[in-house]
Amino acid sequence: MTSTISIDPSNAAQLQAWDGTEGDYWAANAARFERSLAGYDDPLFAAAAVRPGHHVLDVGCGTGSTTREAARRAHPGTATGIDLSTAMIAVARARAGGARYLQGDAQVFPWPAAAFDVVISRTGAMFFGDPDAAFANLARATRPGGRLVLLVWQALEHNPWLVTIMTALAAGRDLPRPPDGAPGPFALADPDRVRRLLTGAGYSRVELADVRAPLNFGPDPDAAAALLAGLMDWLIAELDPPARARALTTLRTALAARRTERGVELGSAAWLVTATRP
């Protein structure tokens, strides 16, 4: 059930999802989802350049793998993770690793001014209902000379992982594309929009680098199909049982074609966004 934490009204739908069944599912499969994105951790932390004594904020921290790594690098400094999900924050706290965690809305959370040397977010910054307000709030919390480092998805057509999944589960239907700029995975896919948002919020030297890594969804097609069927169940919820079964079979077949010695891997493309607080 969705909690009663203080949020901006524009994030009500995100709270319902992430502090509801979607967040619960990510929490129940924490290790597998953390592994799926691990290929991006090296470029993320190379750009963040977290050093001993730094104070780091991790936005949309989920189950906390990036927060724990930030805490390891920043010691004896601090790493703080924030997320909307009760279930994911509970998993993160159980594995704290020297980090601390807050359940809240980073868009409006009352951060102390200039509290953080580095603000990071691995695929967590695309969901703000009011990104102008959110990034202004994060900029206020970033010390002068501090850095913002975001990993955000490029456009859908550059992300075969999601194209593959959606094509399989569409079951012949024409699925609508998400509206440009709407909160969701591709809200920050447009580099010009990213630059405009971050400079408007008070950051400077905004740069985007094209980074790519395979997403690993499991050791074999059955495990990967089970994970993704649960994640994307909303795509097939309205299908009748035979159509649903056919869609899942199509998904497993597509995943089997992408099995490697490391497991089932699908290509992905992200922007590594860096900016500085003057």
C-alpha atoms as a PDB file:
ATOM      1  CA  MET A   1       0.000   0.000   0.000  1.00  0.00           C
ATOM      2  CA  THR A   2       1.277   3.466  -0.884  1.00  0.00           C
ATOM      3  CA  SER A   3       2.790   5.308   2.080  1.00  0.00           C
ATOM      4  CA  THR A   4       1.941   8.809   3.220  1.00  0.00           C
ATOM      5  CA  ILE A   5       5.366  10.417   2.782  1.00  0.00           C
ATOM      6  CA  SER A   6       5.452  14.057   1.729  1.00  0.00           C
ATOM      7  CA  ILE A   7       5.671  14.408  -2.048  1.00  0.00           C
ATOM      8  CA  ASP A   8       5.041  16.996  -4.696  1.00  0.00           C
ATOM      9  CA  PRO A   9       1.580  16.387  -6.208  1.00  0.00           C
ATOM     10  CA  SER A  10       3.191  15.972  -9.647  1.00  0.00           C
ATOM     11  CA  ASN A  11       4.832  12.782  -8.361  1.00  0.00           C
ATOM     12  CA  ALA A  12       1.661  11.095  -7.087  1.00  0.00           C
ATOM     13  CA  ALA A  13       1.600   8.538  -9.901  1.00  0.00           C
ATOM     14  CA  GLN A  14       5.259   7.692  -9.337  1.00  0.00           C
ATOM     15  CA  LEU A  15       4.628   7.180  -5.631  1.00  0.00           C
ATOM     16  CA  GLN A  16       1.740   4.855  -6.417  1.00  0.00           C
ATOM     17  CA  ALA A  17       3.934   2.783  -8.733  1.00  0.00           C
ATOM     18  CA  TRP A  18       7.229   2.718  -6.872  1.00  0.00           C
ATOM     19  CA  ASP A  19       5.733   2.472  -3.404  1.00  0.00           C
ATOM     20  CA  GLY A  20       3.308  -0.133  -4.708  1.00  0.00           C
ATOM     21  CA  THR A  21       3.545  -3.311  -6.740  1.00  0.00           C
ATOM     22  CA  GLU A  22       6.316  -2.085  -9.050  1.00  0.00           C
ATOM     23  CA  GLY A  23       8.672  -1.216  -6.207  1.00  0.00           C
ATOM     24  CA  ASP A  24       7.752  -4.425  -4.400  1.00  0.00           C
ATOM     25  CA  TYR A  25       8.732  -6.436  -7.475  1.00  0.00           C
ATOM     26  CA  TRP A  26      12.094  -4.689  -7.796  1.00  0.00           C
ATOM     27  CA  ALA A  27      12.750  -5.273  -4.094  1.00  0.00           C
ATOM     28  CA  ALA A  28      11.887  -8.977  -4.352  1.00  0.00           C
ATOM     29  CA  ASN A  29      14.330  -9.318  -7.265  1.00  0.00           C
ATOM     30  CA  ALA A  30      16.945  -6.869  -6.027  1.00  0.00           C
ATOM     31  CA  ALA A  31      20.061  -8.880  -6.855  1.00  0.00           C
ATOM     32  CA  ARG A  32      18.932  -9.588 -10.407  1.00  0.00           C
ATOM     33  CA  PHE A  33      17.970  -6.004 -11.194  1.00  0.00           C
ATOM     34  CA  GLU A  34      21.178  -4.658  -9.670  1.00  0.00           C
ATOM     35  CA  ARG A  35      23.171  -7.072 -11.804  1.00  0.00           C
ATOM     36  CA  SER A  36      21.279  -6.073 -14.936  1.00  0.00           C
ATOM     37  CA  LEU A  37      22.580  -2.487 -14.685  1.00  0.00           C
ATOM     38  CA  ALA A  38      26.044  -3.225 -13.301  1.00  0.00           C
ATOM     39  CA  GLY A  39      27.704  -2.680 -16.684  1.00  0.00           C
ATOM     40  CA  TYR A  40      27.135   1.043 -16.262  1.00  0.00           C
ATOM     41  CA  ASP A  41      28.706   1.381 -12.821  1.00  0.00           C
ATOM     42  CA  ASP A  42      32.305   1.878 -13.979  1.00  0.00           C
ATOM     43  CA  PRO A  43      31.548   4.866 -16.252  1.00  0.00           C
ATOM     44  CA  LEU A  44      29.141   6.310 -13.671  1.00  0.00           C
ATOM     45  CA  PHE A  45      31.715   6.280 -10.886  1.00  0.00           C
ATOM     46  CA  ALA A  46      34.577   7.338 -13.134  1.00  0.00           C
ATOM     47  CA  ALA A  47      32.580  10.478 -13.942  1.00  0.00           C
ATOM     48  CA  ALA A  48      31.493  11.004 -10.327  1.00  0.00           C
ATOM     49  CA  ALA A  49      35.113  10.876  -9.089  1.00  0.00           C
ATOM     50  CA  VAL A  50      34.001  10.246  -5.498  1.00  0.00           C
ATOM     51  CA  ARG A  51      36.940  10.687  -3.135  1.00  0.00           C
ATOM     52  CA  PRO A  52      37.507   9.942   0.573  1.00  0.00           C
ATOM     53  CA  GLY A  53      35.713  12.554   2.658  1.00  0.00           C
ATOM     54  CA  HIS A  54      33.097  13.399   0.046  1.00  0.00           C
ATOM     55  CA  HIS A  55      29.405  13.631   0.870  1.00  0.00           C
ATOM     56  CA  VAL A  56      27.359  11.912  -1.842  1.00  0.00           C
ATOM     57  CA  LEU A  57      23.627  11.907  -2.609  1.00  0.00           C
ATOM     58  CA  ASP A  58      22.151   9.038  -4.656  1.00  0.00           C
ATOM     59  CA  VAL A  59      18.776   9.979  -6.183  1.00  0.00           C
ATOM     60  CA  GLY A  60      16.324   7.160  -6.885  1.00  0.00           C
ATOM     61  CA  CYS A  61      18.719   4.783  -5.157  1.00  0.00           C
ATOM     62  CA  GLY A  62      16.434   1.742  -5.326  1.00  0.00           C
ATOM     63  CA  THR A  63      17.898  -1.165  -3.379  1.00  0.00           C
ATOM     64  CA  GLY A  64      21.117   0.741  -2.826  1.00  0.00           C
ATOM     65  CA  SER A  65      23.944  -0.864  -4.818  1.00  0.00           C
ATOM     66  CA  THR A  66      25.210   2.489  -6.122  1.00  0.00           C
ATOM     67  CA  THR A  67      24.812   4.102  -2.693  1.00  0.00           C
ATOM     68  CA  ARG A  68      26.876   1.352  -1.097  1.00  0.00           C
ATOM     69  CA  GLU A  69      29.606   1.799  -3.697  1.00  0.00           C
ATOM     70  CA  ALA A  70      29.549   5.565  -3.135  1.00  0.00           C
ATOM     71  CA  ALA A  71      29.876   5.000   0.624  1.00  0.00           C
ATOM     72  CA  ARG A  72      32.866   2.723   0.080  1.00  0.00           C
ATOM     73  CA  ARG A  73      34.612   5.306  -2.074  1.00  0.00           C
ATOM     74  CA  ALA A  74      33.685   8.293   0.114  1.00  0.00           C
ATOM     75  CA  HIS A  75      34.667   6.827   3.512  1.00  0.00           C
ATOM     76  CA  PRO A  76      35.155   8.548   5.958  1.00  0.00           C
ATOM     77  CA  GLY A  77      32.645  10.795   4.177  1.00  0.00           C
ATOM     78  CA  THR A  78      28.995   9.890   3.730  1.00  0.00           C
ATOM     79  CA  ALA A  79      26.600   8.490   1.147  1.00  0.00           C
ATOM     80  CA  THR A  80      22.849   9.087   1.348  1.00  0.00           C
ATOM     81  CA  GLY A  81      20.295   7.331  -0.838  1.00  0.00           C
ATOM     82  CA  ILE A  82      16.712   8.490  -1.360  1.00  0.00           C
ATOM     83  CA  ASP A  83      13.834   6.639  -3.005  1.00  0.00           C
ATOM     84  CA  LEU A  84      10.034   6.571  -2.974  1.00  0.00           C
ATOM     85  CA  SER A  85       9.788   2.819  -2.378  1.00  0.00           C
ATOM     86  CA  THR A  86       9.249   1.452   1.119  1.00  0.00           C
ATOM     87  CA  ALA A  87      10.207  -2.041  -0.016  1.00  0.00           C
ATOM     88  CA  MET A  88      13.371  -1.041  -1.849  1.00  0.00           C
ATOM     89  CA  ILE A  89      14.554   1.212   0.975  1.00  0.00           C
ATOM     90  CA  ALA A  90      14.036  -1.702   3.374  1.00  0.00           C
ATOM     91  CA  VAL A  91      16.300  -3.891   1.225  1.00  0.00           C
ATOM     92  CA  ALA A  92      18.880  -1.095   0.994  1.00  0.00           C
ATOM     93  CA  ARG A  93      18.913  -0.586   4.762  1.00  0.00           C
ATOM     94  CA  ALA A  94      19.345  -4.303   5.367  1.00  0.00           C
ATOM     95  CA  ARG A  95      22.515  -4.152   3.232  1.00  0.00           C
ATOM     96  CA  ALA A  96      23.516  -0.676   4.403  1.00  0.00           C
ATOM     97  CA  GLY A  97      27.268  -0.985   3.824  1.00  0.00           C
ATOM     98  CA  GLY A  98      27.976   2.271   5.611  1.00  0.00           C
ATOM     99  CA  ALA A  99      25.323   4.224   3.690  1.00  0.00           C
ATOM    100  CA  ARG A 100      22.145   5.817   5.016  1.00  0.00           C
ATOM    101  CA  TYR A 101      18.775   5.825   3.334  1.00  0.00           C
ATOM    102  CA  LEU A 102      15.741   8.086   3.252  1.00  0.00           C
ATOM    103  CA  GLN A 103      12.294   7.392   1.902  1.00  0.00           C
ATOM    104  CA  GLY A 104      11.144  10.579   0.256  1.00  0.00           C
ATOM    105  CA  ASP A 105      10.682  12.713  -2.833  1.00  0.00           C
ATOM    106  CA  ALA A 106      14.016  14.199  -3.938  1.00  0.00           C
ATOM    107  CA  GLN A 107      12.108  16.862  -5.892  1.00  0.00           C
ATOM    108  CA  VAL A 108      10.954  18.592  -2.705  1.00  0.00           C
ATOM    109  CA  PHE A 109      13.054  17.062   0.081  1.00  0.00           C
ATOM    110  CA  PRO A 110      14.435  19.847   2.334  1.00  0.00           C
ATOM    111  CA  TRP A 111      18.130  19.204   1.772  1.00  0.00           C
ATOM    112  CA  PRO A 112      20.599  21.391   3.639  1.00  0.00           C
ATOM    113  CA  ALA A 113      22.117  23.944   1.304  1.00  0.00           C
ATOM    114  CA  ALA A 114      25.417  22.946  -0.302  1.00  0.00           C
ATOM    115  CA  ALA A 115      25.395  19.643   1.604  1.00  0.00           C
ATOM    116  CA  PHE A 116      26.780  17.338  -1.104  1.00  0.00           C
ATOM    117  CA  ASP A 117      30.001  17.180  -3.086  1.00  0.00           C
ATOM    118  CA  VAL A 118      28.521  14.770  -5.624  1.00  0.00           C
ATOM    119  CA  VAL A 119      24.931  13.982  -6.629  1.00  0.00           C
ATOM    120  CA  ILE A 120      24.487  10.764  -8.623  1.00  0.00           C
ATOM    121  CA  SER A 121      21.558   8.893 -10.114  1.00  0.00           C
ATOM    122  CA  ARG A 122      21.619   5.647 -12.103  1.00  0.00           C
ATOM    123  CA  THR A 123      18.382   5.564 -14.143  1.00  0.00           C
ATOM    124  CA  GLY A 124      16.489   7.302 -11.342  1.00  0.00           C
ATOM    125  CA  ALA A 125      16.252  10.919 -12.508  1.00  0.00           C
ATOM    126  CA  MET A 126      13.827  10.424 -15.411  1.00  0.00           C
ATOM    127  CA  PHE A 127      10.684  10.154 -13.301  1.00  0.00           C
ATOM    128  CA  PHE A 128      10.294  13.641 -11.794  1.00  0.00           C
ATOM    129  CA  GLY A 129       6.876  15.191 -12.332  1.00  0.00           C
ATOM    130  CA  ASP A 130       8.417  18.669 -12.337  1.00  0.00           C
ATOM    131  CA  PRO A 131      12.052  18.281 -13.442  1.00  0.00           C
ATOM    132  CA  ASP A 132      12.698  22.022 -13.355  1.00  0.00           C
ATOM    133  CA  ALA A 133      11.843  22.111  -9.650  1.00  0.00           C
ATOM    134  CA  ALA A 134      13.614  18.829  -8.960  1.00  0.00           C
ATOM    135  CA  PHE A 135      16.939  19.807 -10.486  1.00  0.00           C
ATOM    136  CA  ALA A 136      16.769  23.243  -8.885  1.00  0.00           C
ATOM    137  CA  ASN A 137      16.332  21.512  -5.523  1.00  0.00           C
ATOM    138  CA  LEU A 138      19.295  19.237  -6.210  1.00  0.00           C
ATOM    139  CA  ALA A 139      21.420  22.170  -7.385  1.00  0.00           C
ATOM    140  CA  ARG A 140      20.693  23.996  -4.143  1.00  0.00           C
ATOM    141  CA  ALA A 141      21.934  20.940  -2.262  1.00  0.00           C
ATOM    142  CA  THR A 142      25.151  20.706  -4.291  1.00  0.00           C
ATOM    143  CA  ARG A 143      28.148  22.612  -2.979  1.00  0.00           C
ATOM    144  CA  PRO A 144      29.882  25.156  -5.264  1.00  0.00           C
ATOM    145  CA  GLY A 145      32.258  23.176  -7.455  1.00  0.00           C
ATOM    146  CA  GLY A 146      30.300  19.980  -6.798  1.00  0.00           C
ATOM    147  CA  ARG A 147      29.177  17.587  -9.517  1.00  0.00           C
ATOM    148  CA  LEU A 148      25.935  16.090 -10.782  1.00  0.00           C
ATOM    149  CA  VAL A 149      26.266  12.754 -12.601  1.00  0.00           C
ATOM    150  CA  LEU A 150      23.235  11.064 -14.155  1.00  0.00           C
ATOM    151  CA  LEU A 151      22.774   7.894 -16.161  1.00  0.00           C
ATOM    152  CA  VAL A 152      19.595   8.225 -18.260  1.00  0.00           C
ATOM    153  CA  TRP A 153      18.264   6.187 -21.169  1.00  0.00           C
ATOM    154  CA  GLN A 154      18.631   7.329 -24.746  1.00  0.00           C
ATOM    155  CA  ALA A 155      15.596   7.186 -27.016  1.00  0.00           C
ATOM    156  CA  LEU A 156      13.626   3.948 -27.328  1.00  0.00           C
ATOM    157  CA  GLU A 157      14.966   3.164 -30.816  1.00  0.00           C
ATOM    158  CA  HIS A 158      18.519   3.060 -29.392  1.00  0.00           C
ATOM    159  CA  ASN A 159      17.553   0.569 -26.691  1.00  0.00           C
ATOM    160  CA  PRO A 160      17.032  -2.862 -28.235  1.00  0.00           C
ATOM    161  CA  TRP A 161      16.445  -4.389 -24.806  1.00  0.00           C
ATOM    162  CA  LEU A 162      13.096  -2.636 -24.473  1.00  0.00           C
ATOM    163  CA  VAL A 163      12.238  -2.841 -28.164  1.00  0.00           C
ATOM    164  CA  THR A 164      12.740  -6.625 -27.974  1.00  0.00           C
ATOM    165  CA  ILE A 165      10.590  -7.003 -24.868  1.00  0.00           C
ATOM    166  CA  MET A 166       7.790  -4.729 -26.074  1.00  0.00           C
ATOM    167  CA  THR A 167       7.684  -6.271 -29.552  1.00  0.00           C
ATOM    168  CA  ALA A 168       7.367  -9.755 -28.085  1.00  0.00           C
ATOM    169  CA  LEU A 169       4.690  -8.822 -25.565  1.00  0.00           C
ATOM    170  CA  ALA A 170       2.715  -6.606 -27.948  1.00  0.00           C
ATOM    171  CA  ALA A 171       1.201  -9.778 -29.422  1.00  0.00           C
ATOM    172  CA  GLY A 172       0.530  -8.022 -32.691  1.00  0.00           C
ATOM    173  CA  ARG A 173      -0.917  -4.883 -31.140  1.00  0.00           C
ATOM    174  CA  ASP A 174       0.319  -1.362 -31.904  1.00  0.00           C
ATOM    175  CA  LEU A 175       1.578  -0.048 -28.585  1.00  0.00           C
ATOM    176  CA  PRO A 176       1.691   3.730 -28.099  1.00  0.00           C
ATOM    177  CA  ARG A 177       5.033   5.407 -27.571  1.00  0.00           C
ATOM    178  CA  PRO A 178       5.449   7.326 -24.308  1.00  0.00           C
ATOM    179  CA  PRO A 179       4.872  11.067 -24.786  1.00  0.00           C
ATOM    180  CA  ASP A 180       8.043  13.091 -25.277  1.00  0.00           C
ATOM    181  CA  GLY A 181       9.265  14.509 -21.995  1.00  0.00           C
ATOM    182  CA  ALA A 182       6.675  12.734 -19.840  1.00  0.00           C
ATOM    183  CA  PRO A 183       7.950  11.189 -16.593  1.00  0.00           C
ATOM    184  CA  GLY A 184       9.307   7.758 -17.442  1.00  0.00           C
ATOM    185  CA  PRO A 185      12.340   5.957 -18.857  1.00  0.00           C
ATOM    186  CA  PHE A 186      12.815   8.332 -21.803  1.00  0.00           C
ATOM    187  CA  ALA A 187      12.021  11.673 -20.189  1.00  0.00           C
ATOM    188  CA  LEU A 188      15.675  12.773 -20.463  1.00  0.00           C
ATOM    189  CA  ALA A 189      16.493  11.151 -23.802  1.00  0.00           C
ATOM    190  CA  ASP A 190      16.710  14.529 -25.615  1.00  0.00           C
ATOM    191  CA  PRO A 191      20.161  16.087 -25.010  1.00  0.00           C
ATOM    192  CA  ASP A 192      18.880  19.608 -25.696  1.00  0.00           C
ATOM    193  CA  ARG A 193      16.186  19.196 -23.058  1.00  0.00           C
ATOM    194  CA  VAL A 194      18.739  17.889 -20.555  1.00  0.00           C
ATOM    195  CA  ARG A 195      21.016  20.865 -21.142  1.00  0.00           C
ATOM    196  CA  ARG A 196      18.107  23.284 -20.847  1.00  0.00           C
ATOM    197  CA  LEU A 197      16.855  21.730 -17.604  1.00  0.00           C
ATOM    198  CA  LEU A 198      20.222  21.598 -15.902  1.00  0.00           C
ATOM    199  CA  THR A 199      21.426  25.061 -16.897  1.00  0.00           C
ATOM    200  CA  GLY A 200      18.039  26.460 -15.871  1.00  0.00           C
ATOM    201  CA  ALA A 201      18.417  24.760 -12.489  1.00  0.00           C
ATOM    202  CA  GLY A 202      21.766  26.406 -11.853  1.00  0.00           C
ATOM    203  CA  TYR A 203      24.304  23.888 -13.139  1.00  0.00           C
ATOM    204  CA  SER A 204      27.010  24.676 -15.686  1.00  0.00           C
ATOM    205  CA  ARG A 205      29.346  22.704 -17.986  1.00  0.00           C
ATOM    206  CA  VAL A 206      26.591  20.245 -18.885  1.00  0.00           C
ATOM    207  CA  GLU A 207      27.953  17.408 -21.013  1.00  0.00           C
ATOM    208  CA  LEU A 208      26.446  14.180 -22.350  1.00  0.00           C
ATOM    209  CA  ALA A 209      28.478  11.127 -23.313  1.00  0.00           C
ATOM    210  CA  ASP A 210      27.134   8.159 -25.267  1.00  0.00           C
ATOM    211  CA  VAL A 211      27.634   5.028 -23.132  1.00  0.00           C
ATOM    212  CA  ARG A 212      26.467   1.508 -23.945  1.00  0.00           C
ATOM    213  CA  ALA A 213      26.383  -1.757 -22.046  1.00  0.00           C
ATOM    214  CA  PRO A 214      24.469  -5.028 -22.295  1.00  0.00           C
ATOM    215  CA  LEU A 215      21.734  -5.590 -19.726  1.00  0.00           C
ATOM    216  CA  ASN A 216      21.901  -9.051 -18.163  1.00  0.00           C
ATOM    217  CA  PHE A 217      18.450 -10.401 -17.298  1.00  0.00           C
ATOM    218  CA  GLY A 218      19.346 -13.850 -16.015  1.00  0.00           C
ATOM    219  CA  PRO A 219      21.471 -16.955 -16.486  1.00  0.00           C
ATOM    220  CA  ASP A 220      19.155 -18.586 -19.034  1.00  0.00           C
ATOM    221  CA  PRO A 221      16.063 -17.804 -21.155  1.00  0.00           C
ATOM    222  CA  ASP A 222      13.600 -19.284 -18.642  1.00  0.00           C
ATOM    223  CA  ALA A 223      14.930 -17.156 -15.769  1.00  0.00           C
ATOM    224  CA  ALA A 224      15.094 -14.031 -17.926  1.00  0.00           C
ATOM    225  CA  ALA A 225      11.587 -14.555 -19.307  1.00  0.00           C
ATOM    226  CA  ALA A 226      10.169 -15.046 -15.810  1.00  0.00           C
ATOM    227  CA  LEU A 227      11.833 -11.855 -14.542  1.00  0.00           C
ATOM    228  CA  LEU A 228      10.695  -9.737 -17.474  1.00  0.00           C
ATOM    229  CA  ALA A 229       7.189 -11.186 -17.586  1.00  0.00           C
ATOM    230  CA  GLY A 230       6.702 -10.038 -14.008  1.00  0.00           C
ATOM    231  CA  LEU A 231       8.239  -6.636 -14.699  1.00  0.00           C
ATOM    232  CA  MET A 232       6.178  -5.996 -17.835  1.00  0.00           C
ATOM    233  CA  ASP A 233       2.982  -7.760 -16.779  1.00  0.00           C
ATOM    234  CA  TRP A 234       0.993  -4.579 -17.409  1.00  0.00           C
ATOM    235  CA  LEU A 235       1.623  -5.044 -21.144  1.00  0.00           C
ATOM    236  CA  ILE A 236      -0.195  -8.392 -21.258  1.00  0.00           C
ATOM    237  CA  ALA A 237      -2.657  -8.040 -18.381  1.00  0.00           C
ATOM    238  CA  GLU A 238      -5.623  -7.463 -20.713  1.00  0.00           C
ATOM    239  CA  LEU A 239      -4.851 -10.345 -23.079  1.00  0.00           C
ATOM    240  CA  ASP A 240      -6.937 -13.494 -22.906  1.00  0.00           C
ATOM    241  CA  PRO A 241      -5.085 -16.600 -21.610  1.00  0.00           C
ATOM    242  CA  PRO A 242      -4.167 -18.076 -25.043  1.00  0.00           C
ATOM    243  CA  ALA A 243      -2.862 -14.720 -26.327  1.00  0.00           C
ATOM    244  CA  ARG A 244      -0.952 -14.171 -23.104  1.00  0.00           C
ATOM    245  CA  ALA A 245       0.663 -17.605 -23.399  1.00  0.00           C
ATOM    246  CA  ARG A 246       1.668 -16.901 -27.011  1.00  0.00           C
ATOM    247  CA  ALA A 247       3.195 -13.556 -26.039  1.00  0.00           C
ATOM    248  CA  LEU A 248       5.257 -15.165 -23.278  1.00  0.00           C
ATOM    249  CA  THR A 249       6.434 -17.888 -25.654  1.00  0.00           C
ATOM    250  CA  THR A 250       7.481 -15.223 -28.148  1.00  0.00           C
ATOM    251  CA  LEU A 251       9.379 -13.408 -25.399  1.00  0.00           C
ATOM    252  CA  ARG A 252      11.234 -16.570 -24.344  1.00  0.00           C
ATOM    253  CA  THR A 253      12.170 -17.296 -27.959  1.00  0.00           C
ATOM    254  CA  ALA A 254      13.532 -13.775 -28.404  1.00  0.00           C
ATOM    255  CA  LEU A 255      15.552 -14.078 -25.202  1.00  0.00           C
ATOM    256  CA  ALA A 256      16.906 -17.495 -26.168  1.00  0.00           C
ATOM    257  CA  ALA A 257      18.393 -15.902 -29.286  1.00  0.00           C
ATOM    258  CA  ARG A 258      20.359 -13.547 -27.040  1.00  0.00           C
ATOM    259  CA  ARG A 259      21.849 -16.104 -24.682  1.00  0.00           C
ATOM    260  CA  THR A 260      25.599 -15.711 -24.101  1.00  0.00           C
ATOM    261  CA  GLU A 261      28.117 -17.435 -21.855  1.00  0.00           C
ATOM    262  CA  ARG A 262      27.358 -14.715 -19.296  1.00  0.00           C
ATOM    263  CA  GLY A 263      23.589 -15.222 -19.490  1.00  0.00           C
ATOM    264  CA  VAL A 264      20.829 -13.506 -21.463  1.00  0.00           C
ATOM    265  CA  GLU A 265      22.049 -10.075 -22.543  1.00  0.00           C
ATOM    266  CA  LEU A 266      20.289  -7.359 -24.517  1.00  0.00           C
ATOM    267  CA  GLY A 267      21.874  -4.179 -25.799  1.00  0.00           C
ATOM    268  CA  SER A 268      21.181  -0.771 -24.282  1.00  0.00           C
ATOM    269  CA  ALA A 269      22.249   2.849 -24.737  1.00  0.00           C
ATOM    270  CA  ALA A 270      22.364   5.634 -22.168  1.00  0.00           C
ATOM    271  CA  TRP A 271      23.544   9.195 -21.769  1.00  0.00           C
ATOM    272  CA  LEU A 272      26.113   9.797 -19.069  1.00  0.00           C
ATOM    273  CA  VAL A 273      25.254  13.340 -18.031  1.00  0.00           C
ATOM    274  CA  THR A 274      27.736  15.454 -16.064  1.00  0.00           C
ATOM    275  CA  ALA A 275      27.331  18.994 -14.755  1.00  0.00           C
ATOM    276  CA  THR A 276      28.984  21.304 -12.241  1.00  0.00           C
ATOM    277  CA  ARG A 277      27.523  23.653  -9.655  1.00  0.00           C
ATOM    278  CA  PRO A 278      29.251  27.033 -10.081  1.00  0.00           C
END
